[in-house]
Structures are given as structure tokens and as C-alpha cells.
N, C-alpha and C. Protein backbone atom coordinates (compact mmCIF):
# COMPACT_ATOMS: atom_id res chain seq x y z
N MET A 1 18.15 9.75 20.93
CA MET A 1 16.75 9.67 21.45
C MET A 1 15.99 10.03 20.24
N LYS A 2 14.86 9.05 20.12
CA LYS A 2 13.89 9.08 18.99
C LYS A 2 13.05 10.20 19.53
N ARG A 3 12.28 10.89 18.37
CA ARG A 3 11.54 12.11 18.81
C ARG A 3 10.05 11.66 18.47
N GLY A 4 8.96 11.94 19.18
CA GLY A 4 7.80 11.84 18.94
C GLY A 4 7.12 13.23 18.43
N TRP A 5 6.72 13.38 17.36
CA TRP A 5 6.64 14.52 16.62
C TRP A 5 5.08 14.91 16.35
N ALA A 6 4.13 13.66 16.11
CA ALA A 6 2.84 13.77 15.79
C ALA A 6 2.12 12.82 16.56
N ILE A 7 0.81 13.10 16.41
CA ILE A 7 -0.26 12.25 17.04
C ILE A 7 -1.21 11.61 15.94
N CYS A 8 -1.37 10.44 16.05
CA CYS A 8 -2.47 9.65 15.30
C CYS A 8 -3.67 9.31 16.32
N ARG A 9 -4.79 10.04 16.00
CA ARG A 9 -5.83 9.73 16.83
C ARG A 9 -6.50 8.32 16.79
N ALA A 10 -7.00 8.08 18.03
CA ALA A 10 -7.57 6.68 18.13
C ALA A 10 -8.60 6.57 16.93
N GLY A 11 -8.64 5.16 16.30
CA GLY A 11 -9.67 5.01 15.19
C GLY A 11 -9.10 5.49 13.67
N HIS A 12 -7.94 6.11 13.62
CA HIS A 12 -7.33 6.49 12.50
C HIS A 12 -5.99 5.86 12.05
N TRP A 13 -5.86 4.65 12.95
CA TRP A 13 -4.50 3.96 12.83
C TRP A 13 -4.77 2.73 13.41
N ASN A 14 -3.84 1.73 12.99
CA ASN A 14 -3.97 0.43 13.58
C ASN A 14 -3.01 -0.01 14.55
N PRO A 15 -3.62 0.11 15.83
CA PRO A 15 -2.89 -0.03 17.18
C PRO A 15 -1.95 -1.43 17.04
N ALA A 16 -2.23 -2.44 16.16
CA ALA A 16 -1.48 -3.65 16.18
C ALA A 16 -0.40 -3.41 15.79
N THR A 17 0.19 -2.28 14.92
CA THR A 17 1.35 -2.03 14.40
C THR A 17 2.11 -1.22 15.20
N ALA A 18 1.71 -0.79 16.58
CA ALA A 18 2.44 -0.08 17.48
C ALA A 18 3.88 -0.90 17.99
N VAL A 19 4.96 -0.32 18.12
CA VAL A 19 6.19 -0.74 18.45
C VAL A 19 6.39 -0.76 19.98
N ASP A 20 5.59 0.03 20.71
CA ASP A 20 5.55 -0.26 22.08
C ASP A 20 4.46 0.68 22.62
N ARG A 21 4.15 0.86 23.95
CA ARG A 21 3.04 1.39 24.59
C ARG A 21 3.62 2.28 25.74
N VAL A 22 2.73 3.33 25.90
CA VAL A 22 3.00 4.24 27.11
C VAL A 22 1.83 4.25 27.79
N THR A 23 1.88 3.79 29.15
CA THR A 23 0.59 3.79 30.00
C THR A 23 0.42 4.90 30.92
N LEU A 24 -0.34 5.74 30.78
CA LEU A 24 -0.38 7.11 31.45
C LEU A 24 -1.91 7.39 31.96
N ASP A 25 -1.82 8.08 33.17
CA ASP A 25 -3.30 8.53 33.59
C ASP A 25 -3.51 9.73 32.98
N ALA A 26 -4.76 10.19 33.10
CA ALA A 26 -5.31 11.37 32.47
C ALA A 26 -4.44 12.50 32.63
N GLY A 27 -3.94 12.80 33.85
CA GLY A 27 -3.30 13.94 34.08
C GLY A 27 -1.79 13.98 33.36
N ASP A 28 -1.32 12.66 33.09
CA ASP A 28 0.11 12.55 32.49
C ASP A 28 -0.23 12.64 30.98
N ARG A 29 -1.39 12.58 30.44
CA ARG A 29 -1.63 12.49 29.16
C ARG A 29 -2.05 13.95 28.42
N HIS A 30 -1.78 14.83 29.16
CA HIS A 30 -2.03 16.36 28.68
C HIS A 30 -0.52 17.04 28.62
N ARG A 31 0.03 16.72 27.44
CA ARG A 31 1.44 17.21 27.26
C ARG A 31 1.85 17.88 25.85
N ARG A 32 3.02 18.42 25.96
CA ARG A 32 3.75 19.11 24.74
C ARG A 32 4.93 18.58 24.51
N ARG A 33 5.93 18.49 25.72
CA ARG A 33 7.30 18.09 25.64
C ARG A 33 7.68 17.26 26.93
N ILE A 34 8.04 15.84 26.83
CA ILE A 34 8.37 15.33 27.79
C ILE A 34 9.28 13.93 27.41
N ALA A 35 10.25 13.59 28.19
CA ALA A 35 11.07 12.63 27.78
C ALA A 35 10.02 11.24 28.37
N MET A 36 9.86 10.19 27.58
CA MET A 36 9.11 8.99 28.16
C MET A 36 9.93 7.58 27.45
N THR A 37 9.31 6.72 28.35
CA THR A 37 9.95 5.49 27.96
C THR A 37 8.78 4.56 27.99
N GLY A 38 8.67 3.73 26.88
CA GLY A 38 7.55 2.76 26.65
C GLY A 38 7.53 1.70 27.65
N ASP A 39 6.43 0.94 27.78
CA ASP A 39 6.37 -0.25 28.67
C ASP A 39 7.45 -1.24 28.15
N ASN A 40 7.93 -1.25 26.84
CA ASN A 40 8.98 -2.20 26.47
C ASN A 40 10.23 -1.82 26.27
N GLY A 41 10.41 -0.34 26.78
CA GLY A 41 11.86 0.06 26.79
C GLY A 41 12.11 1.16 25.75
N THR A 42 11.24 1.58 24.97
CA THR A 42 11.34 2.47 23.77
C THR A 42 11.57 3.92 24.47
N ASP A 43 12.73 4.60 24.40
CA ASP A 43 13.16 5.80 24.89
C ASP A 43 12.66 6.73 23.81
N PHE A 44 12.01 7.96 24.18
CA PHE A 44 11.65 8.91 22.98
C PHE A 44 11.32 10.44 23.77
N LEU A 45 11.51 11.31 23.02
CA LEU A 45 11.15 12.58 23.59
C LEU A 45 9.84 12.91 22.69
N LEU A 46 8.81 13.21 23.59
CA LEU A 46 7.61 13.74 23.10
C LEU A 46 7.84 15.18 22.85
N ASP A 47 7.72 15.77 21.65
CA ASP A 47 8.02 16.93 21.17
C ASP A 47 7.12 17.57 20.22
N LEU A 48 5.93 18.08 20.79
CA LEU A 48 4.75 18.56 19.85
C LEU A 48 4.80 19.99 19.82
N ASP A 49 4.20 20.68 18.93
CA ASP A 49 4.13 22.13 18.69
C ASP A 49 3.29 22.79 19.81
N GLU A 50 2.40 22.23 20.32
CA GLU A 50 1.54 22.64 21.16
C GLU A 50 0.99 21.60 22.37
N VAL A 51 0.34 21.78 23.37
CA VAL A 51 -0.15 21.02 24.38
C VAL A 51 -1.17 20.09 23.60
N VAL A 52 -1.21 18.94 23.87
CA VAL A 52 -2.05 17.95 23.44
C VAL A 52 -2.80 17.01 24.31
N ALA A 53 -3.98 16.88 24.42
CA ALA A 53 -4.50 15.89 25.25
C ALA A 53 -4.47 14.60 24.73
N LEU A 54 -3.69 13.71 25.00
CA LEU A 54 -3.68 12.37 24.49
C LEU A 54 -4.56 11.48 24.90
N ARG A 55 -5.31 10.82 23.97
CA ARG A 55 -6.45 9.89 24.43
C ARG A 55 -6.14 8.39 24.43
N ASP A 56 -6.62 7.57 25.25
CA ASP A 56 -6.52 6.06 25.27
C ASP A 56 -6.73 5.69 23.91
N GLY A 57 -5.64 5.00 23.21
CA GLY A 57 -5.92 4.49 21.87
C GLY A 57 -5.10 5.38 20.95
N ASP A 58 -4.70 6.50 21.11
CA ASP A 58 -3.96 7.33 20.06
C ASP A 58 -2.43 6.82 19.89
N GLY A 59 -2.00 7.35 18.92
CA GLY A 59 -0.50 6.81 18.59
C GLY A 59 0.38 8.12 18.69
N ILE A 60 1.53 7.92 19.09
CA ILE A 60 2.63 8.82 18.90
C ILE A 60 3.52 8.41 17.98
N VAL A 61 3.72 9.48 16.90
CA VAL A 61 4.48 8.94 15.72
C VAL A 61 5.87 9.34 15.90
N LEU A 62 6.86 8.56 15.86
CA LEU A 62 8.31 8.76 16.16
C LEU A 62 8.68 9.11 14.80
N ASP A 63 9.82 9.63 14.78
CA ASP A 63 10.76 10.32 13.69
C ASP A 63 11.14 9.10 12.70
N ASP A 64 11.27 8.13 13.15
CA ASP A 64 11.51 6.78 12.36
C ASP A 64 10.42 6.36 11.65
N GLY A 65 9.14 6.73 11.64
CA GLY A 65 7.90 6.43 11.29
C GLY A 65 7.17 5.38 12.07
N SER A 66 7.65 4.97 13.11
CA SER A 66 7.19 4.00 14.02
C SER A 66 6.26 4.61 14.92
N VAL A 67 5.17 3.85 15.56
CA VAL A 67 4.14 4.58 16.23
C VAL A 67 4.22 3.93 17.78
N VAL A 68 3.89 4.64 18.95
CA VAL A 68 3.90 4.22 20.12
C VAL A 68 2.54 4.39 20.62
N LEU A 69 1.76 3.38 20.97
CA LEU A 69 0.42 3.28 21.38
C LEU A 69 0.39 4.25 22.63
N VAL A 70 -0.78 4.92 22.90
CA VAL A 70 -1.09 5.67 24.15
C VAL A 70 -2.14 4.67 24.83
N ALA A 71 -1.90 4.14 26.22
CA ALA A 71 -2.74 3.64 26.94
C ALA A 71 -3.27 4.33 28.07
N GLY A 72 -4.41 4.41 28.43
CA GLY A 72 -5.03 5.03 29.59
C GLY A 72 -4.90 4.15 30.68
N GLN A 73 -4.25 4.59 31.70
CA GLN A 73 -4.12 3.89 33.10
C GLN A 73 -5.26 3.80 33.84
N ALA A 74 -5.68 2.55 34.42
CA ALA A 74 -7.13 2.59 35.13
C ALA A 74 -6.95 3.61 36.26
N GLU A 75 -7.91 4.11 36.70
CA GLU A 75 -8.06 5.04 37.70
C GLU A 75 -9.23 4.92 38.51
N ARG A 76 -9.23 5.38 39.69
CA ARG A 76 -10.40 5.20 40.55
C ARG A 76 -11.41 6.24 40.38
N LEU A 77 -12.71 5.84 39.66
CA LEU A 77 -13.45 6.70 39.21
C LEU A 77 -14.86 6.29 39.79
N LEU A 78 -15.84 7.37 39.51
CA LEU A 78 -17.24 7.07 39.88
C LEU A 78 -17.94 7.26 38.44
N GLU A 79 -18.79 6.15 38.19
CA GLU A 79 -19.54 6.12 37.02
C GLU A 79 -21.05 6.47 37.56
N LEU A 80 -21.54 7.54 36.72
CA LEU A 80 -22.97 8.13 37.37
C LEU A 80 -24.01 7.80 36.19
N THR A 81 -25.07 7.53 36.77
CA THR A 81 -26.32 7.48 35.76
C THR A 81 -27.40 7.90 36.53
N ALA A 82 -28.42 8.57 35.53
CA ALA A 82 -29.60 9.22 35.82
C ALA A 82 -30.88 8.45 35.50
N LYS A 83 -31.90 8.78 36.15
CA LYS A 83 -33.30 8.20 35.79
C LYS A 83 -33.81 8.83 34.43
N THR A 84 -33.55 10.02 34.16
CA THR A 84 -34.19 10.61 33.30
C THR A 84 -33.22 11.58 32.37
N PRO A 85 -33.66 12.11 31.32
CA PRO A 85 -32.67 12.97 30.51
C PRO A 85 -32.55 14.32 31.41
N LEU A 86 -33.71 14.62 31.92
CA LEU A 86 -33.49 16.11 32.81
C LEU A 86 -32.66 15.77 34.06
N ASP A 87 -32.76 14.83 34.63
CA ASP A 87 -31.83 14.33 35.83
C ASP A 87 -30.52 14.29 35.26
N PHE A 88 -30.09 13.78 34.00
CA PHE A 88 -28.92 13.73 33.48
C PHE A 88 -28.18 15.00 33.20
N VAL A 89 -28.97 16.01 32.71
CA VAL A 89 -28.66 17.43 32.43
C VAL A 89 -28.37 18.10 33.82
N ARG A 90 -29.18 17.84 34.82
CA ARG A 90 -28.98 18.50 35.94
C ARG A 90 -27.73 17.95 36.85
N LEU A 91 -27.38 16.96 36.83
CA LEU A 91 -26.28 16.16 37.04
C LEU A 91 -25.11 16.74 36.58
N ALA A 92 -25.19 16.69 35.12
CA ALA A 92 -24.00 17.28 34.49
C ALA A 92 -23.70 18.79 34.86
N TRP A 93 -24.90 19.56 34.91
CA TRP A 93 -24.62 20.96 35.28
C TRP A 93 -24.19 21.17 36.71
N HIS A 94 -24.44 20.27 37.73
CA HIS A 94 -23.99 20.43 39.04
C HIS A 94 -22.34 20.10 39.08
N LEU A 95 -22.06 19.16 38.32
CA LEU A 95 -20.60 18.75 38.21
C LEU A 95 -19.67 19.86 37.38
N GLY A 96 -20.42 20.56 36.26
CA GLY A 96 -19.72 21.51 35.60
C GLY A 96 -19.55 22.77 36.62
N ASN A 97 -20.76 22.95 37.35
CA ASN A 97 -20.60 24.15 38.32
C ASN A 97 -19.45 24.12 39.12
N ARG A 98 -19.24 22.95 39.54
CA ARG A 98 -18.00 22.57 40.58
C ARG A 98 -16.55 22.48 39.79
N HIS A 99 -16.64 22.80 38.14
CA HIS A 99 -15.38 22.59 37.55
C HIS A 99 -14.72 21.35 37.58
N THR A 100 -15.64 20.17 37.71
CA THR A 100 -15.04 18.80 37.73
C THR A 100 -14.89 18.27 36.39
N ASP A 101 -13.64 17.60 36.11
CA ASP A 101 -13.31 17.08 34.97
C ASP A 101 -14.36 15.96 34.66
N VAL A 102 -15.07 15.92 33.47
CA VAL A 102 -15.96 14.95 33.25
C VAL A 102 -15.96 14.16 32.00
N GLN A 103 -15.99 12.67 31.98
CA GLN A 103 -16.00 12.11 30.76
C GLN A 103 -17.40 11.49 30.48
N ILE A 104 -17.96 11.71 29.25
CA ILE A 104 -19.23 11.31 28.81
C ILE A 104 -19.00 9.82 28.22
N ALA A 105 -19.74 9.15 28.84
CA ALA A 105 -19.43 7.48 28.32
C ALA A 105 -20.82 6.82 27.87
N GLY A 106 -21.34 7.34 26.84
CA GLY A 106 -22.91 6.91 26.54
C GLY A 106 -23.74 7.63 27.32
N ASP A 107 -24.59 6.95 28.07
CA ASP A 107 -25.53 7.65 28.92
C ASP A 107 -25.16 7.50 30.36
N ARG A 108 -23.80 7.58 30.60
CA ARG A 108 -23.20 7.74 31.91
C ARG A 108 -22.13 8.75 32.00
N LEU A 109 -21.99 9.37 33.07
CA LEU A 109 -20.82 10.26 33.29
C LEU A 109 -19.99 9.70 34.25
N ARG A 110 -18.55 10.05 33.96
CA ARG A 110 -17.43 9.55 34.63
C ARG A 110 -16.81 10.67 35.35
N ILE A 111 -16.32 10.49 36.57
CA ILE A 111 -15.51 11.67 37.25
C ILE A 111 -14.61 10.80 38.04
N ARG A 112 -13.44 11.56 38.38
CA ARG A 112 -12.45 11.00 39.35
C ARG A 112 -13.06 10.73 40.75
N TYR A 113 -12.93 9.76 41.61
CA TYR A 113 -13.42 9.44 42.83
C TYR A 113 -13.31 10.59 43.76
N ASP A 114 -14.28 11.06 44.24
CA ASP A 114 -14.26 12.15 45.28
C ASP A 114 -15.70 12.02 45.95
N HIS A 115 -15.48 11.69 47.31
CA HIS A 115 -16.62 11.47 48.38
C HIS A 115 -17.66 12.50 48.44
N VAL A 116 -17.32 13.78 48.37
CA VAL A 116 -18.24 14.84 48.30
C VAL A 116 -19.03 14.76 47.15
N LEU A 117 -18.50 14.37 46.03
CA LEU A 117 -19.40 14.58 44.80
C LEU A 117 -20.07 13.18 44.72
N GLU A 118 -19.54 12.18 45.17
CA GLU A 118 -20.36 10.90 45.31
C GLU A 118 -21.45 11.20 46.22
N GLU A 119 -21.40 11.82 47.09
CA GLU A 119 -22.78 12.24 48.05
C GLU A 119 -23.48 13.05 47.30
N MET A 120 -23.18 14.21 46.59
CA MET A 120 -24.10 15.13 45.76
C MET A 120 -24.66 14.46 44.80
N ALA A 121 -23.96 13.57 44.04
CA ALA A 121 -24.71 12.76 42.89
C ALA A 121 -25.96 11.88 43.43
N GLY A 122 -25.61 11.22 44.63
CA GLY A 122 -26.63 10.58 45.27
C GLY A 122 -27.64 11.39 45.71
N LEU A 123 -27.50 12.43 46.27
CA LEU A 123 -28.61 13.35 46.77
C LEU A 123 -29.37 13.89 45.46
N LEU A 124 -28.67 14.00 44.34
CA LEU A 124 -29.46 14.37 43.04
C LEU A 124 -30.25 13.09 42.41
N GLY A 125 -29.96 12.13 42.97
CA GLY A 125 -30.86 10.95 42.56
C GLY A 125 -30.20 9.96 41.42
N ALA A 126 -28.87 10.36 41.30
CA ALA A 126 -28.07 9.54 40.28
C ALA A 126 -27.64 8.11 41.11
N THR A 127 -27.59 7.09 40.16
CA THR A 127 -27.02 5.97 40.65
C THR A 127 -25.50 6.24 40.56
N VAL A 128 -24.68 5.78 41.66
CA VAL A 128 -23.34 5.98 41.57
C VAL A 128 -22.70 4.55 41.70
N LYS A 129 -21.83 4.26 40.82
CA LYS A 129 -20.86 3.08 40.86
C LYS A 129 -19.37 3.16 40.95
N PRO A 130 -18.69 2.81 41.77
CA PRO A 130 -17.26 3.04 41.78
C PRO A 130 -16.80 2.05 40.92
N ILE A 131 -15.79 2.32 39.98
CA ILE A 131 -15.15 1.69 38.93
C ILE A 131 -13.64 2.01 38.94
N GLU A 132 -13.15 1.11 38.26
CA GLU A 132 -11.46 1.30 37.87
C GLU A 132 -11.32 1.43 36.57
N ALA A 133 -11.08 2.40 35.77
CA ALA A 133 -11.14 2.58 34.41
C ALA A 133 -10.06 3.60 33.74
N SER A 134 -9.89 3.64 32.46
CA SER A 134 -8.93 4.56 31.91
C SER A 134 -10.08 5.84 31.91
N PHE A 135 -9.56 6.98 32.16
CA PHE A 135 -10.31 8.52 32.04
C PHE A 135 -9.98 9.25 31.07
N ASP A 136 -10.91 9.62 30.21
CA ASP A 136 -10.66 10.42 29.04
C ASP A 136 -11.76 11.80 29.19
N PRO A 137 -11.54 12.58 30.25
CA PRO A 137 -12.31 13.80 30.33
C PRO A 137 -12.70 14.57 29.21
N GLU A 138 -13.73 15.31 28.76
CA GLU A 138 -14.14 15.95 27.81
C GLU A 138 -13.14 17.23 27.83
N ALA A 139 -12.67 17.56 26.75
CA ALA A 139 -11.62 18.91 26.60
C ALA A 139 -12.48 20.18 26.89
N GLY A 140 -11.82 21.06 27.53
CA GLY A 140 -12.54 22.20 27.98
C GLY A 140 -12.81 23.19 26.66
N ALA A 141 -13.89 23.92 26.56
CA ALA A 141 -14.19 24.66 25.58
C ALA A 141 -13.07 25.67 25.43
N PRO A 142 -12.81 26.03 24.07
CA PRO A 142 -12.08 27.26 23.85
C PRO A 142 -12.31 28.55 24.34
N ALA A 143 -11.33 29.25 24.92
CA ALA A 143 -11.64 30.67 25.56
C ALA A 143 -11.60 31.65 24.44
N HIS A 144 -12.69 32.58 24.71
CA HIS A 144 -12.98 33.74 23.96
C HIS A 144 -11.71 34.44 23.45
N GLY A 145 -11.49 34.62 22.25
CA GLY A 145 -10.27 35.34 21.89
C GLY A 145 -9.22 34.22 21.22
N ASP A 146 -9.60 32.85 21.30
CA ASP A 146 -8.70 31.98 20.65
C ASP A 146 -8.77 32.15 19.06
N ASP A 147 -7.94 31.82 18.53
CA ASP A 147 -7.88 32.00 16.99
C ASP A 147 -8.77 30.68 16.48
N HIS A 148 -9.96 30.88 16.37
CA HIS A 148 -10.75 29.83 15.79
C HIS A 148 -11.97 30.41 15.11
N ASP A 149 -12.66 29.84 14.36
CA ASP A 149 -13.94 30.26 13.72
C ASP A 149 -15.07 29.70 14.60
N HIS A 150 -15.51 30.56 15.61
CA HIS A 150 -16.38 30.04 16.55
C HIS A 150 -18.07 30.32 15.97
N HIS A 151 -18.17 30.95 14.81
CA HIS A 151 -19.56 31.08 14.36
C HIS A 151 -19.89 30.20 13.29
N GLY A 152 -18.93 29.46 12.73
CA GLY A 152 -19.19 28.59 11.58
C GLY A 152 -19.26 29.46 10.28
N HIS A 153 -18.70 30.59 10.19
CA HIS A 153 -18.69 31.27 8.95
C HIS A 153 -17.56 32.32 9.25
N ASP A 154 -17.00 32.87 8.00
CA ASP A 154 -15.97 33.70 7.74
C ASP A 154 -16.52 35.12 8.22
N HIS A 155 -15.84 35.89 8.87
CA HIS A 155 -16.41 37.21 9.06
C HIS A 155 -15.09 38.09 9.44
N GLU A 156 -15.67 39.45 9.50
CA GLU A 156 -14.55 40.42 9.82
C GLU A 156 -15.05 41.52 10.81
N HIS A 157 -16.43 41.07 11.51
CA HIS A 157 -16.94 42.22 12.37
C HIS A 157 -16.00 41.99 13.58
N ASP A 158 -16.41 43.27 14.62
CA ASP A 158 -15.85 43.24 15.89
C ASP A 158 -16.53 42.49 16.83
N HIS A 159 -16.03 41.99 17.77
CA HIS A 159 -16.74 41.23 18.93
C HIS A 159 -16.80 41.96 20.09
N GLY A 160 -16.54 43.10 20.12
CA GLY A 160 -16.37 44.03 21.39
C GLY A 160 -15.35 43.62 22.43
N SER A 161 -14.46 42.94 22.02
CA SER A 161 -13.52 42.58 22.98
C SER A 161 -12.20 43.40 22.90
């Protein structure tokens, strides 16, 4: 079985060169290791060093050098727009306060369909439009203590943790 060992991010490779395509919803695109079969029958093992959020348009590099396109499966979503920038921020805050996965799509927010959130958004003055589309929610913020440079500079001081 072929092995998928690396990811080419959307916009950094030519999808026309893909040998196959895997169509996955947002939940199934958060992976590290799983056996997959492309839409045209390519069997491979996704075998990455760490869990990765695959995005619509990414490519999975196989050990033979070929690439399989990742396609986001259409899901039932709500697309939300606000009248003013302040209303937009307020809407985003309320969604975040509920730990809701959110995709920012230009001046719109997209969330998975939820009748309670649909009603809340309407009460906040948002325009709510049900759609079917690929869902690429924002990645979560890194947790404090992760090995990353979160200040933008090298340092050796104690953070008190």
C-alpha cells in the first residue's frame, strides 16, 4: 500500500496534476494516520508525524511522488452576515463563547447548521442563509506551553507556568 507522508497546501501545488481525490467532511480532514481510498480507487495510508487539519485543495504526497487532492465534502452550513463591523465582532464573539467551529469567508461567517445558533444569530441582527458548501473552520489557537515563539522574539525568561 502506498503511504501519504506529506501535505502540499492549497495554492502551493497544481491540483491538475493529482492522480486521485479524497472527498472528506471537515471532521474527517483532521487526521494523522488512517487508511484511505481515493474516489478513483487509489489505496494509501495517510501516515503523518502529527495530526494535521487538511483543507479543501490541499494535496497528500504519496511515497511514489504522486499527489492526491483533498476535496472538502459539501456540508449543511449557515452563512452569517452582519450589518456593521461591530455587529460582526459581536456575532463572532457569541459564536466563540459557545466554542463553535467557525469559518471566516470574507465578510461572512460559516458554521455547521444548528437551529439554536441560527435563532441566536437572527436575534443578534445577522442575516442567516442556509447553504451547502465545504467547511474549513479556523484552526484553534495554540495552547500556552506549546513549543512555539508566541512573542515574535527569542527569549529565555520564565512565563510563570
